[in-house]
Amino acid sequence: MEIFTQDWIALVLTGLGTLFLIGEVLVNMRGIFALLGIGFITIYFTVYLETNSLILMLLIYFVGIVLIIIDGKLLNDGTLATIGTASMLAAVALPAPNFAAGMYAVLGVLIGAGSSFFFLKVFKRREMWNKLTLKDQLTSEAGYNSMKEEYRSLINQEAITLNDMRPVGTIRVGTKDYSAVSNGQWIPRNTKVKVIQVDGTKILVDFIK
């Protein structure tokens, strides 16, 4: 089709593909956004690539998305997100027939990824991510009186990490071990930390300053 000879079509295809794929991760659309995103991205790669190269570039593109998800929801240190973004941009830029089309493709990914966050204002956020972020504040002020005194007494106490916290791990306070989470940081094993907050049975630790 003649429309696919236009350089700007790369922006449309990669933009819509990324928009719907990231949107499916953020909100619960029962796979509709995923199908749309896969469709647009597949069309983009099909236009410019042969079958063998198409599969490879699709794989690189989707690995990039997975790395961004892992970083944003589990690690929060930016390393995997940077690698994932670079993978997505490389995957769409390399197949482009010329520099202009490549720039349009890269711009489409960036615009699509950024625009996908607007879905959060319209559709229901996926509950699986709410569980990981532990947003509920189980404090006495909020009406929760079930916090154990044992956990309350841990605040401001020093502890040592028993494994690498990425950001979830195990700490030892005195002679007892507890499950804890860092403040979005990767804390190595055998590092001295301090309990800075307790919400219910969720223990938040940070480096000793």
N, C-alpha and C. Protein backbone atom coordinates (compact mmCIF):
# COMPACT_ATOMS: atom_id res chain seq x y z
N MET A 1 0.83 -1.20 0.00
CA MET A 1 0.00 0.00 0.00
C MET A 1 0.87 1.25 0.00
N GLU A 2 0.41 2.25 -0.72
CA GLU A 2 1.21 3.46 -0.88
C GLU A 2 1.43 4.21 0.42
N ILE A 3 0.47 4.12 1.34
CA ILE A 3 0.58 4.87 2.60
C ILE A 3 1.80 4.44 3.40
N PHE A 4 2.20 3.18 3.26
CA PHE A 4 3.33 2.68 4.04
C PHE A 4 4.67 3.15 3.49
N THR A 5 4.65 3.82 2.36
CA THR A 5 5.88 4.41 1.84
C THR A 5 6.16 5.77 2.45
N GLN A 6 5.21 6.30 3.18
CA GLN A 6 5.37 7.60 3.84
C GLN A 6 6.14 7.41 5.15
N ASP A 7 7.11 8.27 5.41
CA ASP A 7 7.93 8.13 6.62
C ASP A 7 7.12 8.32 7.89
N TRP A 8 6.14 9.23 7.87
CA TRP A 8 5.39 9.54 9.07
C TRP A 8 4.52 8.40 9.58
N ILE A 9 4.24 7.42 8.72
CA ILE A 9 3.40 6.30 9.15
C ILE A 9 4.08 5.50 10.27
N ALA A 10 5.41 5.58 10.33
CA ALA A 10 6.14 4.89 11.39
C ALA A 10 5.76 5.45 12.75
N LEU A 11 5.57 6.77 12.83
CA LEU A 11 5.16 7.40 14.09
C LEU A 11 3.79 6.91 14.52
N VAL A 12 2.87 6.79 13.58
CA VAL A 12 1.51 6.36 13.89
C VAL A 12 1.51 4.91 14.39
N LEU A 13 2.19 4.03 13.70
CA LEU A 13 2.17 2.61 14.04
C LEU A 13 2.86 2.33 15.38
N THR A 14 4.08 2.86 15.54
CA THR A 14 4.80 2.61 16.80
C THR A 14 4.15 3.35 17.96
N GLY A 15 3.60 4.53 17.69
CA GLY A 15 2.94 5.29 18.74
C GLY A 15 1.71 4.58 19.26
N LEU A 16 0.83 4.13 18.37
CA LEU A 16 -0.39 3.44 18.79
C LEU A 16 -0.06 2.07 19.40
N GLY A 17 0.92 1.38 18.82
CA GLY A 17 1.31 0.08 19.37
C GLY A 17 1.79 0.19 20.81
N THR A 18 2.69 1.13 21.04
CA THR A 18 3.22 1.34 22.39
C THR A 18 2.15 1.86 23.34
N LEU A 19 1.32 2.76 22.85
CA LEU A 19 0.24 3.32 23.66
C LEU A 19 -0.65 2.23 24.23
N PHE A 20 -1.09 1.31 23.38
CA PHE A 20 -2.02 0.27 23.84
C PHE A 20 -1.33 -0.83 24.65
N LEU A 21 -0.09 -1.15 24.31
CA LEU A 21 0.61 -2.20 25.07
C LEU A 21 0.93 -1.75 26.49
N ILE A 22 1.47 -0.55 26.64
CA ILE A 22 1.73 -0.03 27.98
C ILE A 22 0.41 0.21 28.70
N GLY A 23 -0.60 0.65 27.96
CA GLY A 23 -1.92 0.87 28.57
C GLY A 23 -2.49 -0.41 29.13
N GLU A 24 -2.30 -1.53 28.44
CA GLU A 24 -2.80 -2.82 28.93
C GLU A 24 -2.13 -3.21 30.24
N VAL A 25 -0.87 -2.83 30.38
CA VAL A 25 -0.14 -3.12 31.62
C VAL A 25 -0.68 -2.28 32.77
N LEU A 26 -1.03 -1.04 32.49
CA LEU A 26 -1.44 -0.11 33.54
C LEU A 26 -2.89 -0.31 33.98
N VAL A 27 -3.78 -0.57 33.02
CA VAL A 27 -5.21 -0.67 33.34
C VAL A 27 -5.75 -2.02 32.89
N ASN A 28 -6.88 -2.39 33.48
CA ASN A 28 -7.48 -3.68 33.19
C ASN A 28 -8.46 -3.56 32.03
N MET A 29 -8.00 -3.91 30.82
CA MET A 29 -8.85 -3.85 29.63
C MET A 29 -9.12 -5.23 29.04
N ARG A 30 -8.88 -6.26 29.85
CA ARG A 30 -9.20 -7.65 29.47
C ARG A 30 -8.56 -8.06 28.14
N GLY A 31 -7.38 -7.54 27.87
CA GLY A 31 -6.63 -7.96 26.69
C GLY A 31 -6.93 -7.19 25.43
N ILE A 32 -7.93 -6.30 25.46
CA ILE A 32 -8.29 -5.55 24.25
C ILE A 32 -7.15 -4.65 23.81
N PHE A 33 -6.58 -3.90 24.76
CA PHE A 33 -5.46 -3.02 24.44
C PHE A 33 -4.25 -3.82 23.97
N ALA A 34 -4.04 -4.99 24.57
CA ALA A 34 -2.89 -5.82 24.19
C ALA A 34 -3.01 -6.26 22.74
N LEU A 35 -4.20 -6.67 22.33
CA LEU A 35 -4.41 -7.11 20.95
C LEU A 35 -4.20 -5.95 19.97
N LEU A 36 -4.72 -4.77 20.33
CA LEU A 36 -4.53 -3.60 19.47
C LEU A 36 -3.05 -3.24 19.36
N GLY A 37 -2.35 -3.23 20.51
CA GLY A 37 -0.93 -2.88 20.51
C GLY A 37 -0.10 -3.85 19.71
N ILE A 38 -0.35 -5.15 19.91
CA ILE A 38 0.39 -6.17 19.15
C ILE A 38 0.11 -6.02 17.66
N GLY A 39 -1.13 -5.71 17.33
CA GLY A 39 -1.49 -5.55 15.93
C GLY A 39 -0.74 -4.41 15.26
N PHE A 40 -0.71 -3.24 15.90
CA PHE A 40 -0.02 -2.08 15.31
C PHE A 40 1.48 -2.32 15.20
N ILE A 41 2.08 -2.87 16.25
CA ILE A 41 3.53 -3.11 16.22
C ILE A 41 3.89 -4.16 15.18
N THR A 42 3.07 -5.21 15.09
CA THR A 42 3.33 -6.26 14.10
C THR A 42 3.24 -5.71 12.67
N ILE A 43 2.26 -4.85 12.43
CA ILE A 43 2.13 -4.22 11.11
C ILE A 43 3.39 -3.42 10.79
N TYR A 44 3.88 -2.66 11.79
CA TYR A 44 5.08 -1.84 11.57
C TYR A 44 6.26 -2.70 11.15
N PHE A 45 6.51 -3.77 11.91
CA PHE A 45 7.66 -4.61 11.59
C PHE A 45 7.45 -5.38 10.29
N THR A 46 6.21 -5.78 10.01
CA THR A 46 5.92 -6.53 8.78
C THR A 46 6.20 -5.71 7.54
N VAL A 47 5.94 -4.41 7.62
CA VAL A 47 6.15 -3.52 6.47
C VAL A 47 7.61 -3.47 6.06
N TYR A 48 8.51 -3.49 7.04
CA TYR A 48 9.92 -3.24 6.75
C TYR A 48 10.83 -4.47 6.86
N LEU A 49 10.33 -5.56 7.43
CA LEU A 49 11.22 -6.69 7.71
C LEU A 49 10.73 -7.99 7.09
N GLU A 50 11.68 -8.90 6.86
CA GLU A 50 11.35 -10.26 6.47
C GLU A 50 11.00 -11.07 7.72
N THR A 51 10.50 -12.27 7.53
CA THR A 51 9.96 -13.06 8.64
C THR A 51 10.98 -13.29 9.75
N ASN A 52 12.19 -13.72 9.43
CA ASN A 52 13.19 -14.03 10.45
C ASN A 52 13.55 -12.79 11.27
N SER A 53 13.81 -11.69 10.59
CA SER A 53 14.16 -10.46 11.29
C SER A 53 12.97 -9.91 12.07
N LEU A 54 11.77 -10.11 11.54
CA LEU A 54 10.56 -9.63 12.22
C LEU A 54 10.43 -10.26 13.60
N ILE A 55 10.62 -11.55 13.69
CA ILE A 55 10.49 -12.25 14.98
C ILE A 55 11.54 -11.73 15.96
N LEU A 56 12.76 -11.52 15.49
CA LEU A 56 13.83 -11.04 16.35
C LEU A 56 13.52 -9.65 16.90
N MET A 57 13.09 -8.74 16.03
CA MET A 57 12.81 -7.38 16.46
C MET A 57 11.60 -7.31 17.38
N LEU A 58 10.60 -8.13 17.11
CA LEU A 58 9.43 -8.21 18.01
C LEU A 58 9.87 -8.66 19.39
N LEU A 59 10.76 -9.65 19.42
CA LEU A 59 11.25 -10.17 20.70
C LEU A 59 12.00 -9.09 21.47
N ILE A 60 12.88 -8.36 20.78
CA ILE A 60 13.64 -7.28 21.43
C ILE A 60 12.69 -6.21 21.97
N TYR A 61 11.69 -5.87 21.18
CA TYR A 61 10.73 -4.83 21.58
C TYR A 61 9.96 -5.26 22.84
N PHE A 62 9.44 -6.49 22.85
CA PHE A 62 8.64 -6.94 23.99
C PHE A 62 9.50 -7.21 25.23
N VAL A 63 10.74 -7.62 25.04
CA VAL A 63 11.66 -7.76 26.18
C VAL A 63 11.88 -6.41 26.83
N GLY A 64 11.96 -5.37 26.01
CA GLY A 64 12.11 -4.01 26.54
C GLY A 64 10.94 -3.63 27.44
N ILE A 65 9.72 -3.96 27.00
CA ILE A 65 8.54 -3.65 27.81
C ILE A 65 8.57 -4.41 29.14
N VAL A 66 8.96 -5.68 29.07
CA VAL A 66 9.03 -6.50 30.29
C VAL A 66 10.05 -5.93 31.28
N LEU A 67 11.19 -5.49 30.78
CA LEU A 67 12.23 -4.93 31.65
C LEU A 67 11.73 -3.66 32.34
N ILE A 68 11.00 -2.83 31.60
CA ILE A 68 10.45 -1.60 32.19
C ILE A 68 9.45 -1.94 33.29
N ILE A 69 8.62 -2.95 33.06
CA ILE A 69 7.63 -3.36 34.06
C ILE A 69 8.32 -3.87 35.33
N ILE A 70 9.33 -4.71 35.14
CA ILE A 70 10.06 -5.26 36.29
C ILE A 70 10.70 -4.16 37.11
N ASP A 71 11.34 -3.22 36.42
CA ASP A 71 11.99 -2.12 37.13
C ASP A 71 10.99 -1.25 37.87
N GLY A 72 9.90 -0.91 37.20
CA GLY A 72 8.92 -0.01 37.79
C GLY A 72 8.16 -0.59 38.95
N LYS A 73 7.94 -1.90 38.95
CA LYS A 73 7.12 -2.51 39.98
C LYS A 73 7.90 -3.27 41.03
N LEU A 74 9.15 -3.62 40.77
CA LEU A 74 9.91 -4.41 41.73
C LEU A 74 11.22 -3.76 42.17
N LEU A 75 12.03 -3.33 41.24
CA LEU A 75 13.37 -2.84 41.58
C LEU A 75 13.41 -1.34 41.85
N ASN A 76 12.84 -0.56 40.96
CA ASN A 76 12.77 0.90 41.12
C ASN A 76 14.12 1.59 41.17
N ASP A 77 15.13 1.03 40.52
CA ASP A 77 16.42 1.72 40.51
C ASP A 77 16.75 2.33 39.15
N GLY A 78 15.90 2.12 38.17
CA GLY A 78 16.06 2.75 36.87
C GLY A 78 16.95 2.02 35.88
N THR A 79 17.72 1.05 36.34
CA THR A 79 18.66 0.36 35.45
C THR A 79 17.94 -0.44 34.37
N LEU A 80 17.05 -1.32 34.78
CA LEU A 80 16.34 -2.15 33.81
C LEU A 80 15.41 -1.31 32.93
N ALA A 81 14.85 -0.25 33.50
CA ALA A 81 13.98 0.63 32.71
C ALA A 81 14.77 1.29 31.58
N THR A 82 15.99 1.70 31.88
CA THR A 82 16.84 2.32 30.87
C THR A 82 17.19 1.33 29.76
N ILE A 83 17.55 0.11 30.17
CA ILE A 83 17.88 -0.93 29.19
C ILE A 83 16.64 -1.28 28.36
N GLY A 84 15.49 -1.37 29.03
CA GLY A 84 14.26 -1.70 28.32
C GLY A 84 13.87 -0.64 27.31
N THR A 85 13.98 0.62 27.71
CA THR A 85 13.66 1.72 26.79
C THR A 85 14.60 1.71 25.59
N ALA A 86 15.88 1.48 25.84
CA ALA A 86 16.86 1.42 24.75
C ALA A 86 16.54 0.27 23.80
N SER A 87 16.10 -0.86 24.36
CA SER A 87 15.76 -2.02 23.53
C SER A 87 14.57 -1.71 22.63
N MET A 88 13.55 -1.06 23.19
CA MET A 88 12.36 -0.72 22.39
C MET A 88 12.71 0.26 21.28
N LEU A 89 13.51 1.27 21.61
CA LEU A 89 13.88 2.27 20.62
C LEU A 89 14.74 1.67 19.52
N ALA A 90 15.67 0.80 19.90
CA ALA A 90 16.53 0.16 18.90
C ALA A 90 15.71 -0.76 18.00
N ALA A 91 14.75 -1.45 18.59
CA ALA A 91 13.95 -2.40 17.82
C ALA A 91 13.14 -1.71 16.73
N VAL A 92 12.64 -0.50 17.01
CA VAL A 92 11.84 0.19 15.99
C VAL A 92 12.69 1.04 15.05
N ALA A 93 13.86 1.46 15.51
CA ALA A 93 14.71 2.33 14.69
C ALA A 93 15.48 1.54 13.63
N LEU A 94 15.98 0.38 13.99
CA LEU A 94 16.82 -0.39 13.07
C LEU A 94 16.10 -0.83 11.79
N PRO A 95 14.83 -1.26 11.86
CA PRO A 95 14.18 -1.71 10.62
C PRO A 95 13.78 -0.58 9.68
N ALA A 96 13.78 0.65 10.15
CA ALA A 96 13.32 1.77 9.34
C ALA A 96 14.16 1.90 8.07
N PRO A 97 13.52 2.21 6.94
CA PRO A 97 14.24 2.27 5.66
C PRO A 97 15.16 3.48 5.52
N ASN A 98 14.94 4.51 6.31
CA ASN A 98 15.79 5.69 6.25
C ASN A 98 15.80 6.40 7.60
N PHE A 99 16.64 7.42 7.71
CA PHE A 99 16.81 8.12 8.98
C PHE A 99 15.53 8.80 9.44
N ALA A 100 14.82 9.42 8.53
CA ALA A 100 13.59 10.12 8.89
C ALA A 100 12.55 9.17 9.46
N ALA A 101 12.36 8.03 8.80
CA ALA A 101 11.40 7.05 9.29
C ALA A 101 11.82 6.51 10.65
N GLY A 102 13.13 6.32 10.84
CA GLY A 102 13.63 5.85 12.13
C GLY A 102 13.34 6.84 13.24
N MET A 103 13.53 8.12 12.95
CA MET A 103 13.25 9.15 13.95
C MET A 103 11.75 9.21 14.27
N TYR A 104 10.93 9.06 13.25
CA TYR A 104 9.48 9.01 13.49
C TYR A 104 9.11 7.81 14.37
N ALA A 105 9.74 6.66 14.11
CA ALA A 105 9.45 5.45 14.88
C ALA A 105 9.83 5.63 16.35
N VAL A 106 11.02 6.19 16.58
CA VAL A 106 11.48 6.43 17.95
C VAL A 106 10.56 7.42 18.65
N LEU A 107 10.20 8.48 17.96
CA LEU A 107 9.30 9.48 18.53
C LEU A 107 7.94 8.87 18.85
N GLY A 108 7.48 7.96 18.01
CA GLY A 108 6.21 7.29 18.26
C GLY A 108 6.23 6.48 19.55
N VAL A 109 7.32 5.76 19.79
CA VAL A 109 7.44 4.97 21.03
C VAL A 109 7.41 5.88 22.25
N LEU A 110 8.16 6.98 22.20
CA LEU A 110 8.22 7.89 23.34
C LEU A 110 6.86 8.55 23.60
N ILE A 111 6.21 9.00 22.55
CA ILE A 111 4.90 9.64 22.71
C ILE A 111 3.86 8.63 23.18
N GLY A 112 3.89 7.44 22.59
CA GLY A 112 2.93 6.41 22.97
C GLY A 112 3.07 5.99 24.42
N ALA A 113 4.32 5.81 24.88
CA ALA A 113 4.55 5.41 26.27
C ALA A 113 4.09 6.49 27.23
N GLY A 114 4.40 7.74 26.92
CA GLY A 114 3.99 8.83 27.79
C GLY A 114 2.49 9.02 27.81
N SER A 115 1.85 8.89 26.67
CA SER A 115 0.40 9.09 26.58
C SER A 115 -0.39 7.99 27.26
N SER A 116 0.20 6.79 27.39
CA SER A 116 -0.52 5.66 27.97
C SER A 116 -0.94 5.92 29.42
N PHE A 117 -0.23 6.81 30.12
CA PHE A 117 -0.56 7.08 31.52
C PHE A 117 -1.88 7.84 31.66
N PHE A 118 -2.37 8.41 30.58
CA PHE A 118 -3.68 9.07 30.64
C PHE A 118 -4.81 8.05 30.82
N PHE A 119 -4.54 6.79 30.47
CA PHE A 119 -5.55 5.75 30.66
C PHE A 119 -5.89 5.58 32.14
N LEU A 120 -4.94 5.91 33.03
CA LEU A 120 -5.17 5.76 34.46
C LEU A 120 -6.27 6.69 34.96
N LYS A 121 -6.51 7.78 34.22
CA LYS A 121 -7.55 8.72 34.62
C LYS A 121 -8.93 8.31 34.13
N VAL A 122 -8.96 7.32 33.23
CA VAL A 122 -10.23 6.93 32.62
C VAL A 122 -10.65 5.51 33.02
N PHE A 123 -9.68 4.60 33.06
CA PHE A 123 -9.99 3.20 33.32
C PHE A 123 -9.46 2.75 34.68
N LYS A 124 -9.91 1.59 35.10
CA LYS A 124 -9.53 1.05 36.41
C LYS A 124 -8.11 0.52 36.37
N ARG A 125 -7.32 0.95 37.37
CA ARG A 125 -5.93 0.47 37.48
C ARG A 125 -5.92 -1.01 37.81
N ARG A 126 -4.94 -1.73 37.30
CA ARG A 126 -4.81 -3.15 37.60
C ARG A 126 -4.53 -3.35 39.09
N GLU A 127 -5.32 -4.21 39.74
CA GLU A 127 -5.19 -4.43 41.17
C GLU A 127 -3.90 -5.16 41.51
N MET A 128 -3.37 -5.93 40.57
CA MET A 128 -2.14 -6.68 40.86
C MET A 128 -0.99 -5.75 41.19
N TRP A 129 -0.96 -4.54 40.60
CA TRP A 129 0.10 -3.59 40.91
C TRP A 129 -0.15 -2.92 42.25
N ASN A 130 -1.44 -2.74 42.63
CA ASN A 130 -1.74 -2.14 43.92
C ASN A 130 -1.22 -3.01 45.06
N LYS A 131 -1.27 -4.32 44.86
CA LYS A 131 -0.79 -5.23 45.90
C LYS A 131 0.71 -5.09 46.10
N LEU A 132 1.43 -4.88 44.99
CA LEU A 132 2.88 -4.76 45.09
C LEU A 132 3.31 -3.44 45.71
N THR A 133 2.57 -2.38 45.43
CA THR A 133 2.97 -1.08 45.95
C THR A 133 2.54 -0.87 47.38
N LEU A 134 1.63 -1.71 47.89
CA LEU A 134 1.23 -1.64 49.30
C LEU A 134 0.81 -0.23 49.69
N LYS A 135 -0.22 0.26 49.03
CA LYS A 135 -0.63 1.64 49.24
C LYS A 135 -1.42 1.85 50.53
N ASP A 136 -2.12 0.84 51.01
CA ASP A 136 -2.95 1.03 52.19
C ASP A 136 -2.08 1.34 53.40
N GLN A 137 -2.42 2.39 54.10
CA GLN A 137 -1.68 2.79 55.28
C GLN A 137 -2.41 2.27 56.52
N LEU A 138 -1.90 1.21 57.12
CA LEU A 138 -2.54 0.59 58.26
C LEU A 138 -2.07 1.25 59.55
N THR A 139 -2.45 2.50 59.76
CA THR A 139 -2.04 3.24 60.93
C THR A 139 -3.20 3.42 61.89
N SER A 140 -2.89 3.75 63.13
CA SER A 140 -3.93 3.98 64.11
C SER A 140 -4.78 5.17 63.73
N GLU A 141 -4.16 6.20 63.14
CA GLU A 141 -4.90 7.38 62.76
C GLU A 141 -5.94 7.07 61.69
N ALA A 142 -5.67 6.07 60.85
CA ALA A 142 -6.59 5.71 59.78
C ALA A 142 -7.67 4.76 60.27
N GLY A 143 -7.64 4.41 61.55
CA GLY A 143 -8.67 3.56 62.10
C GLY A 143 -8.29 2.11 62.25
N TYR A 144 -7.06 1.77 61.97
CA TYR A 144 -6.62 0.39 62.10
C TYR A 144 -5.91 0.22 63.45
N ASN A 145 -6.47 -0.62 64.29
CA ASN A 145 -5.91 -0.82 65.63
C ASN A 145 -5.30 -2.20 65.79
N SER A 146 -5.11 -2.88 64.65
CA SER A 146 -4.63 -4.26 64.72
C SER A 146 -3.11 -4.37 64.63
N MET A 147 -2.42 -3.26 64.56
CA MET A 147 -0.96 -3.30 64.49
C MET A 147 -0.41 -3.91 65.76
N LYS A 148 0.43 -4.87 65.60
CA LYS A 148 1.00 -5.54 66.75
C LYS A 148 2.01 -4.64 67.45
N GLU A 149 1.99 -4.68 68.76
CA GLU A 149 2.95 -3.88 69.52
C GLU A 149 4.38 -4.30 69.19
N GLU A 150 4.52 -5.57 68.85
CA GLU A 150 5.86 -6.05 68.51
C GLU A 150 6.42 -5.32 67.30
N TYR A 151 5.58 -5.12 66.31
CA TYR A 151 6.01 -4.42 65.11
C TYR A 151 6.17 -2.93 65.38
N ARG A 152 5.29 -2.37 66.19
CA ARG A 152 5.39 -0.96 66.51
C ARG A 152 6.71 -0.64 67.19
N SER A 153 7.17 -1.57 68.03
CA SER A 153 8.41 -1.34 68.78
C SER A 153 9.66 -1.40 67.91
N LEU A 154 9.51 -1.86 66.67
CA LEU A 154 10.67 -1.97 65.78
C LEU A 154 11.10 -0.63 65.19
N ILE A 155 10.22 0.36 65.22
CA ILE A 155 10.52 1.66 64.63
C ILE A 155 11.79 2.25 65.25
N ASN A 156 12.69 2.72 64.39
CA ASN A 156 13.98 3.34 64.76
C ASN A 156 15.01 2.33 65.26
N GLN A 157 14.70 1.04 65.23
CA GLN A 157 15.70 0.05 65.63
C GLN A 157 16.60 -0.30 64.46
N GLU A 158 17.84 -0.68 64.80
CA GLU A 158 18.78 -1.10 63.77
C GLU A 158 18.60 -2.58 63.48
N ALA A 159 18.87 -2.97 62.23
CA ALA A 159 18.74 -4.36 61.82
C ALA A 159 19.83 -4.67 60.81
N ILE A 160 19.92 -5.92 60.41
CA ILE A 160 20.88 -6.33 59.39
C ILE A 160 20.14 -7.15 58.34
N THR A 161 20.48 -6.93 57.09
CA THR A 161 19.81 -7.65 56.01
C THR A 161 20.39 -9.06 55.89
N LEU A 162 19.51 -10.05 55.75
CA LEU A 162 19.94 -11.43 55.64
C LEU A 162 20.07 -11.87 54.18
N ASN A 163 19.53 -11.07 53.27
CA ASN A 163 19.70 -11.33 51.84
C ASN A 163 19.62 -10.01 51.10
N ASP A 164 19.85 -10.05 49.81
CA ASP A 164 19.76 -8.83 49.00
C ASP A 164 18.31 -8.37 48.95
N MET A 165 18.07 -7.11 49.26
CA MET A 165 16.72 -6.54 49.21
C MET A 165 16.53 -5.87 47.86
N ARG A 166 15.53 -6.38 47.04
CA ARG A 166 15.39 -5.89 45.67
C ARG A 166 13.96 -5.52 45.28
N PRO A 167 13.17 -4.81 46.02
CA PRO A 167 13.47 -4.21 47.32
C PRO A 167 12.98 -5.03 48.50
N VAL A 168 12.35 -6.21 48.26
CA VAL A 168 11.84 -7.03 49.36
C VAL A 168 12.92 -7.98 49.83
N GLY A 169 12.98 -8.20 51.13
CA GLY A 169 13.96 -9.12 51.68
C GLY A 169 13.69 -9.43 53.13
N THR A 170 14.67 -10.03 53.79
CA THR A 170 14.53 -10.42 55.19
C THR A 170 15.57 -9.69 56.03
N ILE A 171 15.14 -9.18 57.18
CA ILE A 171 16.06 -8.50 58.08
C ILE A 171 16.05 -9.21 59.44
N ARG A 172 17.09 -8.97 60.22
CA ARG A 172 17.15 -9.52 61.57
C ARG A 172 17.29 -8.37 62.57
N VAL A 173 16.34 -8.31 63.48
CA VAL A 173 16.37 -7.33 64.56
C VAL A 173 16.56 -8.10 65.85
N GLY A 174 17.72 -7.94 66.46
CA GLY A 174 18.02 -8.73 67.64
C GLY A 174 18.20 -10.19 67.25
N THR A 175 17.29 -11.03 67.74
CA THR A 175 17.36 -12.47 67.41
C THR A 175 16.18 -12.90 66.53
N LYS A 176 15.36 -11.96 66.11
CA LYS A 176 14.17 -12.31 65.33
C LYS A 176 14.31 -11.81 63.89
N ASP A 177 13.75 -12.60 62.98
CA ASP A 177 13.79 -12.26 61.56
C ASP A 177 12.41 -11.75 61.10
N TYR A 178 12.45 -10.76 60.22
CA TYR A 178 11.21 -10.18 59.71
C TYR A 178 11.33 -9.96 58.20
N SER A 179 10.19 -10.02 57.54
CA SER A 179 10.14 -9.63 56.13
C SER A 179 10.02 -8.12 56.06
N ALA A 180 10.80 -7.49 55.19
CA ALA A 180 10.82 -6.03 55.11
C ALA A 180 10.98 -5.59 53.66
N VAL A 181 10.80 -4.30 53.45
CA VAL A 181 10.94 -3.73 52.11
C VAL A 181 11.76 -2.45 52.22
N SER A 182 12.63 -2.22 51.24
CA SER A 182 13.42 -0.99 51.22
C SER A 182 12.63 0.10 50.53
N ASN A 183 13.09 1.31 50.64
CA ASN A 183 12.41 2.45 50.05
C ASN A 183 12.81 2.60 48.58
N GLY A 184 12.51 1.56 47.78
CA GLY A 184 12.84 1.58 46.37
C GLY A 184 14.33 1.43 46.09
N GLN A 185 15.09 0.91 47.05
CA GLN A 185 16.53 0.79 46.89
C GLN A 185 16.94 -0.68 46.88
N TRP A 186 18.09 -0.95 46.26
CA TRP A 186 18.67 -2.28 46.28
C TRP A 186 19.72 -2.30 47.40
N ILE A 187 19.41 -3.01 48.48
CA ILE A 187 20.31 -3.05 49.62
C ILE A 187 20.97 -4.43 49.68
N PRO A 188 22.31 -4.49 49.65
CA PRO A 188 23.01 -5.77 49.65
C PRO A 188 22.85 -6.53 50.98
N ARG A 189 23.16 -7.78 50.93
CA ARG A 189 23.14 -8.65 52.11
C ARG A 189 24.18 -8.19 53.14
N ASN A 190 23.88 -8.44 54.41
CA ASN A 190 24.76 -8.09 55.53
C ASN A 190 25.01 -6.58 55.65
N THR A 191 24.01 -5.80 55.30
CA THR A 191 24.10 -4.34 55.43
C THR A 191 23.27 -3.89 56.63
N LYS A 192 23.83 -3.00 57.42
CA LYS A 192 23.08 -2.47 58.56
C LYS A 192 22.06 -1.45 58.08
N VAL A 193 20.82 -1.63 58.51
CA VAL A 193 19.74 -0.73 58.11
C VAL A 193 18.97 -0.29 59.36
N LYS A 194 18.05 0.63 59.14
CA LYS A 194 17.23 1.15 60.24
C LYS A 194 15.76 1.07 59.84
N VAL A 195 14.92 0.62 60.77
CA VAL A 195 13.48 0.57 60.53
C VAL A 195 12.94 1.99 60.65
N ILE A 196 12.40 2.51 59.55
CA ILE A 196 11.94 3.90 59.56
C ILE A 196 10.42 4.02 59.59
N GLN A 197 9.73 2.92 59.26
CA GLN A 197 8.26 3.00 59.26
C GLN A 197 7.67 1.61 59.35
N VAL A 198 6.53 1.51 60.03
CA VAL A 198 5.79 0.25 60.13
C VAL A 198 4.32 0.53 59.86
N ASP A 199 3.77 -0.14 58.85
CA ASP A 199 2.34 -0.04 58.54
C ASP A 199 1.75 -1.44 58.68
N GLY A 200 1.01 -1.68 59.75
CA GLY A 200 0.51 -3.03 59.99
C GLY A 200 1.69 -3.95 60.24
N THR A 201 1.88 -4.91 59.34
CA THR A 201 3.03 -5.80 59.44
C THR A 201 4.04 -5.54 58.32
N LYS A 202 3.87 -4.43 57.62
CA LYS A 202 4.83 -4.03 56.60
C LYS A 202 5.93 -3.19 57.24
N ILE A 203 7.17 -3.63 57.09
CA ILE A 203 8.31 -2.96 57.69
C ILE A 203 9.12 -2.29 56.59
N LEU A 204 9.31 -0.99 56.72
CA LEU A 204 10.09 -0.21 55.75
C LEU A 204 11.44 0.14 56.35
N VAL A 205 12.53 -0.18 55.64
CA VAL A 205 13.87 0.09 56.15
C VAL A 205 14.63 0.98 55.19
N ASP A 206 15.72 1.54 55.70
CA ASP A 206 16.58 2.39 54.87
C ASP A 206 18.00 2.29 55.42
N PHE A 207 18.95 2.76 54.62
CA PHE A 207 20.35 2.77 55.07
C PHE A 207 20.48 3.63 56.32
N ILE A 208 21.38 3.26 57.20
CA ILE A 208 21.67 4.06 58.39
C ILE A 208 22.47 5.27 57.97
N LYS A 209 21.99 6.44 58.30
CA LYS A 209 22.66 7.67 57.90
C LYS A 209 23.36 8.33 59.09
